[in-house]
Amino acid sequence: MKRKTKWKQTLFTGLCITVVSEIYWNLFYDGLRISLSVVLFPVLIMTMDLETNTLWTGITSGGMIFVFRSAAAYVSGAGVIPAIQSALPGGLYYLFYSLLFFFFGPKQIYGALPPSDYFRFMLRLYFQHV
């Protein structure tokens, strides 16, 4: 895949994760946000891992979420520092998740899998731990 196409795909993934991360539920208390992007991000990384760099996908997604949430908090009346403090954990989550996936993902443990084998891999992984 061409380099320009990879960047477009990475930016599009970051944009999708940013938009989907705004669909969330507050569980237990107002500071804990559980969003659909927590489910979508690993799925996209698993399917795109053969074509794009997982680290750049995480950095892009985390950075876009951080900037979007910081700007939204600032516009809604929070100061600069509180806006950054509220958005930083969300952005760092995607960065650290992509780091873990980069070092401990299925490609590093089981070798490179063709896209058709990901379903079988997920089933095998599930039934190993049940």
N, C-alpha and C. Protein backbone atom coordinates (compact mmCIF):
# COMPACT_ATOMS: atom_id res chain seq x y z
N MET A 1 0.85 -1.17 0.00
CA MET A 1 0.00 0.00 0.00
C MET A 1 0.90 1.23 0.00
N LYS A 2 0.49 2.23 -0.77
CA LYS A 2 1.29 3.44 -0.86
C LYS A 2 1.28 4.20 0.46
N ARG A 3 2.34 4.96 0.68
CA ARG A 3 2.49 5.70 1.93
C ARG A 3 1.37 6.72 2.14
N LYS A 4 0.99 7.42 1.07
CA LYS A 4 -0.07 8.42 1.17
C LYS A 4 -1.41 7.77 1.52
N THR A 5 -1.66 6.61 0.93
CA THR A 5 -2.90 5.89 1.22
C THR A 5 -2.92 5.40 2.66
N LYS A 6 -1.76 4.98 3.18
CA LYS A 6 -1.69 4.54 4.58
C LYS A 6 -2.02 5.70 5.52
N TRP A 7 -1.49 6.89 5.22
CA TRP A 7 -1.77 8.05 6.08
C TRP A 7 -3.24 8.43 6.02
N LYS A 8 -3.83 8.36 4.84
CA LYS A 8 -5.25 8.65 4.72
C LYS A 8 -6.07 7.65 5.54
N GLN A 9 -5.69 6.39 5.47
CA GLN A 9 -6.41 5.37 6.23
C GLN A 9 -6.22 5.59 7.73
N THR A 10 -5.03 5.96 8.15
CA THR A 10 -4.77 6.22 9.56
C THR A 10 -5.56 7.43 10.04
N LEU A 11 -5.57 8.50 9.25
CA LEU A 11 -6.35 9.69 9.62
C LEU A 11 -7.84 9.40 9.65
N PHE A 12 -8.32 8.62 8.70
CA PHE A 12 -9.74 8.26 8.68
C PHE A 12 -10.10 7.41 9.90
N THR A 13 -9.21 6.50 10.27
CA THR A 13 -9.45 5.70 11.48
C THR A 13 -9.50 6.59 12.71
N GLY A 14 -8.55 7.53 12.81
CA GLY A 14 -8.55 8.47 13.93
C GLY A 14 -9.82 9.29 13.99
N LEU A 15 -10.29 9.73 12.85
CA LEU A 15 -11.54 10.51 12.79
C LEU A 15 -12.73 9.66 13.21
N CYS A 16 -12.79 8.41 12.74
CA CYS A 16 -13.89 7.52 13.13
C CYS A 16 -13.88 7.26 14.63
N ILE A 17 -12.71 7.00 15.17
CA ILE A 17 -12.61 6.74 16.61
C ILE A 17 -12.99 7.98 17.40
N THR A 18 -12.58 9.16 16.92
CA THR A 18 -12.93 10.41 17.60
C THR A 18 -14.43 10.63 17.63
N VAL A 19 -15.08 10.42 16.50
CA VAL A 19 -16.53 10.61 16.43
C VAL A 19 -17.25 9.59 17.30
N VAL A 20 -16.85 8.32 17.20
CA VAL A 20 -17.52 7.27 17.95
C VAL A 20 -17.23 7.40 19.45
N SER A 21 -16.11 8.00 19.81
CA SER A 21 -15.79 8.15 21.24
C SER A 21 -16.73 9.13 21.94
N GLU A 22 -17.46 9.90 21.17
CA GLU A 22 -18.42 10.83 21.77
C GLU A 22 -19.76 10.18 22.07
N ILE A 23 -19.91 8.92 21.69
CA ILE A 23 -21.09 8.14 22.07
C ILE A 23 -20.67 7.33 23.29
N TYR A 24 -21.13 7.74 24.44
CA TYR A 24 -20.63 7.12 25.67
C TYR A 24 -21.71 7.04 26.73
N TRP A 25 -21.41 6.26 27.75
CA TRP A 25 -22.26 6.12 28.93
C TRP A 25 -21.43 6.47 30.14
N ASN A 26 -22.03 7.17 31.09
CA ASN A 26 -21.38 7.43 32.37
C ASN A 26 -21.75 6.29 33.32
N LEU A 27 -20.78 5.50 33.68
CA LEU A 27 -21.03 4.40 34.60
C LEU A 27 -20.43 4.72 35.96
N PHE A 28 -21.15 4.38 36.98
CA PHE A 28 -20.73 4.51 38.36
C PHE A 28 -20.62 5.95 38.83
N TYR A 29 -19.95 6.82 38.10
CA TYR A 29 -19.89 8.24 38.42
C TYR A 29 -19.61 9.03 37.15
N ASP A 30 -19.75 10.35 37.20
CA ASP A 30 -19.68 11.18 35.99
C ASP A 30 -18.32 11.18 35.31
N GLY A 31 -17.24 10.91 36.02
CA GLY A 31 -15.92 10.97 35.41
C GLY A 31 -15.54 9.75 34.59
N LEU A 32 -16.25 8.65 34.74
CA LEU A 32 -15.93 7.42 34.03
C LEU A 32 -16.81 7.30 32.80
N ARG A 33 -16.20 7.47 31.63
CA ARG A 33 -16.92 7.40 30.36
C ARG A 33 -16.58 6.10 29.66
N ILE A 34 -17.59 5.31 29.37
CA ILE A 34 -17.41 4.09 28.59
C ILE A 34 -18.02 4.35 27.22
N SER A 35 -17.20 4.28 26.18
CA SER A 35 -17.69 4.62 24.85
C SER A 35 -17.58 3.43 23.90
N LEU A 36 -18.28 3.55 22.77
CA LEU A 36 -18.24 2.51 21.74
C LEU A 36 -16.86 2.41 21.09
N SER A 37 -16.09 3.47 21.15
CA SER A 37 -14.77 3.44 20.52
C SER A 37 -13.83 2.47 21.22
N VAL A 38 -14.09 2.16 22.48
CA VAL A 38 -13.28 1.18 23.19
C VAL A 38 -13.43 -0.20 22.54
N VAL A 39 -14.57 -0.47 21.95
CA VAL A 39 -14.79 -1.72 21.24
C VAL A 39 -14.32 -1.60 19.79
N LEU A 40 -14.57 -0.47 19.16
CA LEU A 40 -14.24 -0.29 17.76
C LEU A 40 -12.73 -0.22 17.52
N PHE A 41 -11.99 0.41 18.41
CA PHE A 41 -10.55 0.59 18.22
C PHE A 41 -9.81 -0.74 18.08
N PRO A 42 -10.00 -1.71 18.97
CA PRO A 42 -9.31 -2.99 18.78
C PRO A 42 -9.71 -3.71 17.49
N VAL A 43 -10.98 -3.59 17.13
CA VAL A 43 -11.43 -4.24 15.89
C VAL A 43 -10.73 -3.61 14.68
N LEU A 44 -10.65 -2.30 14.65
CA LEU A 44 -9.97 -1.64 13.54
C LEU A 44 -8.48 -1.95 13.52
N ILE A 45 -7.87 -2.00 14.68
CA ILE A 45 -6.44 -2.34 14.72
C ILE A 45 -6.22 -3.76 14.23
N MET A 46 -7.08 -4.68 14.63
CA MET A 46 -6.93 -6.07 14.19
C MET A 46 -7.06 -6.20 12.67
N THR A 47 -8.00 -5.48 12.11
CA THR A 47 -8.22 -5.62 10.67
C THR A 47 -7.22 -4.80 9.86
N MET A 48 -6.69 -3.74 10.41
CA MET A 48 -5.77 -2.88 9.65
C MET A 48 -4.31 -3.16 9.97
N ASP A 49 -4.03 -4.05 10.89
CA ASP A 49 -2.66 -4.28 11.35
C ASP A 49 -1.73 -4.72 10.23
N LEU A 50 -2.25 -5.38 9.22
CA LEU A 50 -1.42 -5.83 8.12
C LEU A 50 -1.01 -4.68 7.20
N GLU A 51 -1.79 -3.62 7.17
CA GLU A 51 -1.56 -2.56 6.20
C GLU A 51 -0.98 -1.28 6.80
N THR A 52 -1.26 -0.99 8.05
CA THR A 52 -0.80 0.25 8.65
C THR A 52 -0.02 -0.03 9.92
N ASN A 53 0.67 0.97 10.40
CA ASN A 53 1.43 0.85 11.63
C ASN A 53 0.50 1.09 12.81
N THR A 54 0.44 0.13 13.70
CA THR A 54 -0.44 0.21 14.85
C THR A 54 -0.11 1.40 15.74
N LEU A 55 1.17 1.68 15.92
CA LEU A 55 1.57 2.81 16.77
C LEU A 55 1.06 4.14 16.22
N TRP A 56 1.22 4.33 14.91
CA TRP A 56 0.76 5.60 14.33
C TRP A 56 -0.76 5.73 14.39
N THR A 57 -1.44 4.61 14.26
CA THR A 57 -2.90 4.64 14.39
C THR A 57 -3.30 5.07 15.80
N GLY A 58 -2.63 4.54 16.81
CA GLY A 58 -2.92 4.91 18.20
C GLY A 58 -2.54 6.35 18.51
N ILE A 59 -1.38 6.78 18.01
CA ILE A 59 -0.96 8.17 18.23
C ILE A 59 -1.93 9.13 17.56
N THR A 60 -2.33 8.82 16.35
CA THR A 60 -3.27 9.68 15.62
C THR A 60 -4.63 9.72 16.31
N SER A 61 -5.15 8.55 16.66
CA SER A 61 -6.47 8.50 17.32
C SER A 61 -6.43 9.20 18.67
N GLY A 62 -5.43 8.90 19.48
CA GLY A 62 -5.30 9.53 20.79
C GLY A 62 -5.12 11.03 20.70
N GLY A 63 -4.31 11.47 19.75
CA GLY A 63 -4.10 12.91 19.57
C GLY A 63 -5.35 13.63 19.12
N MET A 64 -6.08 13.03 18.19
CA MET A 64 -7.31 13.66 17.71
C MET A 64 -8.36 13.72 18.82
N ILE A 65 -8.47 12.66 19.60
CA ILE A 65 -9.43 12.65 20.71
C ILE A 65 -9.04 13.68 21.76
N PHE A 66 -7.75 13.77 22.06
CA PHE A 66 -7.27 14.74 23.03
C PHE A 66 -7.58 16.17 22.58
N VAL A 67 -7.28 16.49 21.34
CA VAL A 67 -7.52 17.84 20.82
C VAL A 67 -9.01 18.14 20.79
N PHE A 68 -9.81 17.20 20.30
CA PHE A 68 -11.25 17.43 20.20
C PHE A 68 -11.89 17.62 21.57
N ARG A 69 -11.56 16.74 22.51
CA ARG A 69 -12.16 16.84 23.85
C ARG A 69 -11.66 18.07 24.61
N SER A 70 -10.39 18.41 24.43
CA SER A 70 -9.87 19.62 25.07
C SER A 70 -10.57 20.86 24.54
N ALA A 71 -10.72 20.92 23.22
CA ALA A 71 -11.39 22.07 22.61
C ALA A 71 -12.85 22.14 23.04
N ALA A 72 -13.52 20.99 23.09
CA ALA A 72 -14.92 20.98 23.51
C ALA A 72 -15.08 21.43 24.96
N ALA A 73 -14.18 20.98 25.83
CA ALA A 73 -14.25 21.39 27.24
C ALA A 73 -13.95 22.88 27.39
N TYR A 74 -12.99 23.38 26.61
CA TYR A 74 -12.63 24.80 26.69
C TYR A 74 -13.77 25.68 26.19
N VAL A 75 -14.39 25.27 25.10
CA VAL A 75 -15.51 26.04 24.54
C VAL A 75 -16.71 26.02 25.49
N SER A 76 -16.88 24.92 26.22
CA SER A 76 -18.02 24.85 27.14
C SER A 76 -17.78 25.59 28.45
N GLY A 77 -16.62 26.23 28.60
CA GLY A 77 -16.41 27.09 29.75
C GLY A 77 -15.32 26.67 30.71
N ALA A 78 -14.68 25.54 30.48
CA ALA A 78 -13.58 25.13 31.36
C ALA A 78 -12.34 25.93 31.00
N GLY A 79 -11.46 26.09 31.94
CA GLY A 79 -10.20 26.76 31.67
C GLY A 79 -9.30 25.85 30.84
N VAL A 80 -8.15 26.38 30.45
CA VAL A 80 -7.23 25.60 29.61
C VAL A 80 -6.72 24.37 30.36
N ILE A 81 -6.22 24.58 31.57
CA ILE A 81 -5.66 23.46 32.34
C ILE A 81 -6.72 22.41 32.68
N PRO A 82 -7.92 22.79 33.18
CA PRO A 82 -8.94 21.76 33.43
C PRO A 82 -9.37 21.03 32.15
N ALA A 83 -9.40 21.74 31.03
CA ALA A 83 -9.77 21.08 29.76
C ALA A 83 -8.73 20.04 29.38
N ILE A 84 -7.47 20.39 29.54
CA ILE A 84 -6.39 19.43 29.22
C ILE A 84 -6.42 18.26 30.19
N GLN A 85 -6.63 18.55 31.47
CA GLN A 85 -6.67 17.48 32.46
C GLN A 85 -7.83 16.51 32.23
N SER A 86 -8.94 17.01 31.78
CA SER A 86 -10.08 16.12 31.56
C SER A 86 -9.93 15.29 30.29
N ALA A 87 -9.20 15.81 29.29
CA ALA A 87 -9.07 15.11 28.01
C ALA A 87 -7.85 14.20 27.94
N LEU A 88 -6.86 14.43 28.78
CA LEU A 88 -5.61 13.67 28.69
C LEU A 88 -5.78 12.17 28.90
N PRO A 89 -6.54 11.69 29.89
CA PRO A 89 -6.66 10.23 30.05
C PRO A 89 -7.27 9.54 28.82
N GLY A 90 -8.23 10.17 28.19
CA GLY A 90 -8.84 9.58 27.00
C GLY A 90 -7.86 9.44 25.86
N GLY A 91 -7.04 10.46 25.64
CA GLY A 91 -6.04 10.39 24.58
C GLY A 91 -4.94 9.39 24.88
N LEU A 92 -4.52 9.34 26.14
CA LEU A 92 -3.46 8.41 26.51
C LEU A 92 -3.91 6.95 26.45
N TYR A 93 -5.19 6.70 26.65
CA TYR A 93 -5.71 5.33 26.57
C TYR A 93 -5.39 4.72 25.21
N TYR A 94 -5.68 5.44 24.14
CA TYR A 94 -5.47 4.92 22.79
C TYR A 94 -3.99 4.77 22.47
N LEU A 95 -3.17 5.66 22.98
CA LEU A 95 -1.73 5.55 22.78
C LEU A 95 -1.19 4.30 23.47
N PHE A 96 -1.54 4.09 24.73
CA PHE A 96 -1.04 2.93 25.45
C PHE A 96 -1.64 1.62 24.94
N TYR A 97 -2.89 1.66 24.51
CA TYR A 97 -3.50 0.45 23.95
C TYR A 97 -2.75 0.04 22.68
N SER A 98 -2.44 1.02 21.84
CA SER A 98 -1.72 0.69 20.60
C SER A 98 -0.29 0.22 20.90
N LEU A 99 0.34 0.76 21.94
CA LEU A 99 1.67 0.28 22.34
C LEU A 99 1.61 -1.18 22.78
N LEU A 100 0.63 -1.50 23.62
CA LEU A 100 0.48 -2.89 24.06
C LEU A 100 0.19 -3.82 22.89
N PHE A 101 -0.68 -3.37 21.99
CA PHE A 101 -1.01 -4.19 20.83
C PHE A 101 0.20 -4.36 19.92
N PHE A 102 1.01 -3.31 19.80
CA PHE A 102 2.20 -3.37 18.95
C PHE A 102 3.19 -4.41 19.47
N PHE A 103 3.38 -4.46 20.79
CA PHE A 103 4.35 -5.38 21.36
C PHE A 103 3.79 -6.76 21.68
N PHE A 104 2.50 -6.84 21.97
CA PHE A 104 1.92 -8.12 22.40
C PHE A 104 0.74 -8.57 21.55
N GLY A 105 0.57 -8.02 20.37
CA GLY A 105 -0.55 -8.37 19.51
C GLY A 105 -0.37 -9.74 18.87
N PRO A 106 -1.37 -10.18 18.16
CA PRO A 106 -1.32 -11.53 17.57
C PRO A 106 -0.20 -11.69 16.55
N LYS A 107 0.16 -10.63 15.85
CA LYS A 107 1.23 -10.75 14.85
C LYS A 107 2.56 -11.05 15.53
N GLN A 108 2.80 -10.45 16.69
CA GLN A 108 4.06 -10.67 17.39
C GLN A 108 4.07 -12.03 18.09
N ILE A 109 2.91 -12.51 18.51
CA ILE A 109 2.85 -13.78 19.25
C ILE A 109 2.71 -14.96 18.30
N TYR A 110 1.80 -14.86 17.34
CA TYR A 110 1.49 -15.99 16.47
C TYR A 110 2.05 -15.85 15.06
N GLY A 111 2.71 -14.75 14.75
CA GLY A 111 3.18 -14.51 13.40
C GLY A 111 2.12 -13.81 12.59
N ALA A 112 2.48 -13.39 11.39
CA ALA A 112 1.55 -12.66 10.54
C ALA A 112 0.42 -13.58 10.08
N LEU A 113 -0.79 -13.10 10.22
CA LEU A 113 -1.96 -13.87 9.80
C LEU A 113 -2.60 -13.18 8.59
N PRO A 114 -3.02 -13.96 7.60
CA PRO A 114 -3.80 -13.34 6.53
C PRO A 114 -5.16 -12.91 7.08
N PRO A 115 -5.79 -11.92 6.45
CA PRO A 115 -7.07 -11.42 6.98
C PRO A 115 -8.14 -12.48 7.16
N SER A 116 -8.14 -13.52 6.34
CA SER A 116 -9.16 -14.56 6.46
C SER A 116 -8.99 -15.40 7.72
N ASP A 117 -7.80 -15.40 8.31
CA ASP A 117 -7.56 -16.21 9.50
C ASP A 117 -7.83 -15.48 10.80
N TYR A 118 -8.17 -14.20 10.76
CA TYR A 118 -8.41 -13.47 11.99
C TYR A 118 -9.62 -14.00 12.74
N PHE A 119 -10.66 -14.41 12.03
CA PHE A 119 -11.83 -14.95 12.70
C PHE A 119 -11.48 -16.25 13.43
N ARG A 120 -10.75 -17.12 12.75
CA ARG A 120 -10.32 -18.36 13.40
C ARG A 120 -9.39 -18.08 14.58
N PHE A 121 -8.53 -17.09 14.42
CA PHE A 121 -7.64 -16.71 15.52
C PHE A 121 -8.42 -16.24 16.73
N MET A 122 -9.44 -15.39 16.52
CA MET A 122 -10.24 -14.88 17.63
C MET A 122 -11.01 -16.01 18.31
N LEU A 123 -11.55 -16.94 17.53
CA LEU A 123 -12.25 -18.08 18.13
C LEU A 123 -11.30 -18.94 18.96
N ARG A 124 -10.13 -19.20 18.41
CA ARG A 124 -9.15 -20.01 19.13
C ARG A 124 -8.71 -19.31 20.42
N LEU A 125 -8.47 -18.02 20.34
CA LEU A 125 -8.07 -17.25 21.51
C LEU A 125 -9.17 -17.25 22.57
N TYR A 126 -10.41 -17.11 22.13
CA TYR A 126 -11.53 -17.12 23.07
C TYR A 126 -11.65 -18.46 23.78
N PHE A 127 -11.62 -19.54 23.02
CA PHE A 127 -11.84 -20.85 23.62
C PHE A 127 -10.63 -21.35 24.41
N GLN A 128 -9.45 -20.77 24.20
CA GLN A 128 -8.31 -21.11 25.03
C GLN A 128 -8.49 -20.61 26.45
N HIS A 129 -9.19 -19.49 26.61
CA HIS A 129 -9.28 -18.84 27.90
C HIS A 129 -10.65 -19.01 28.56
N VAL A 130 -11.50 -19.83 27.99
CA VAL A 130 -12.82 -20.06 28.59
C VAL A 130 -12.80 -21.34 29.37
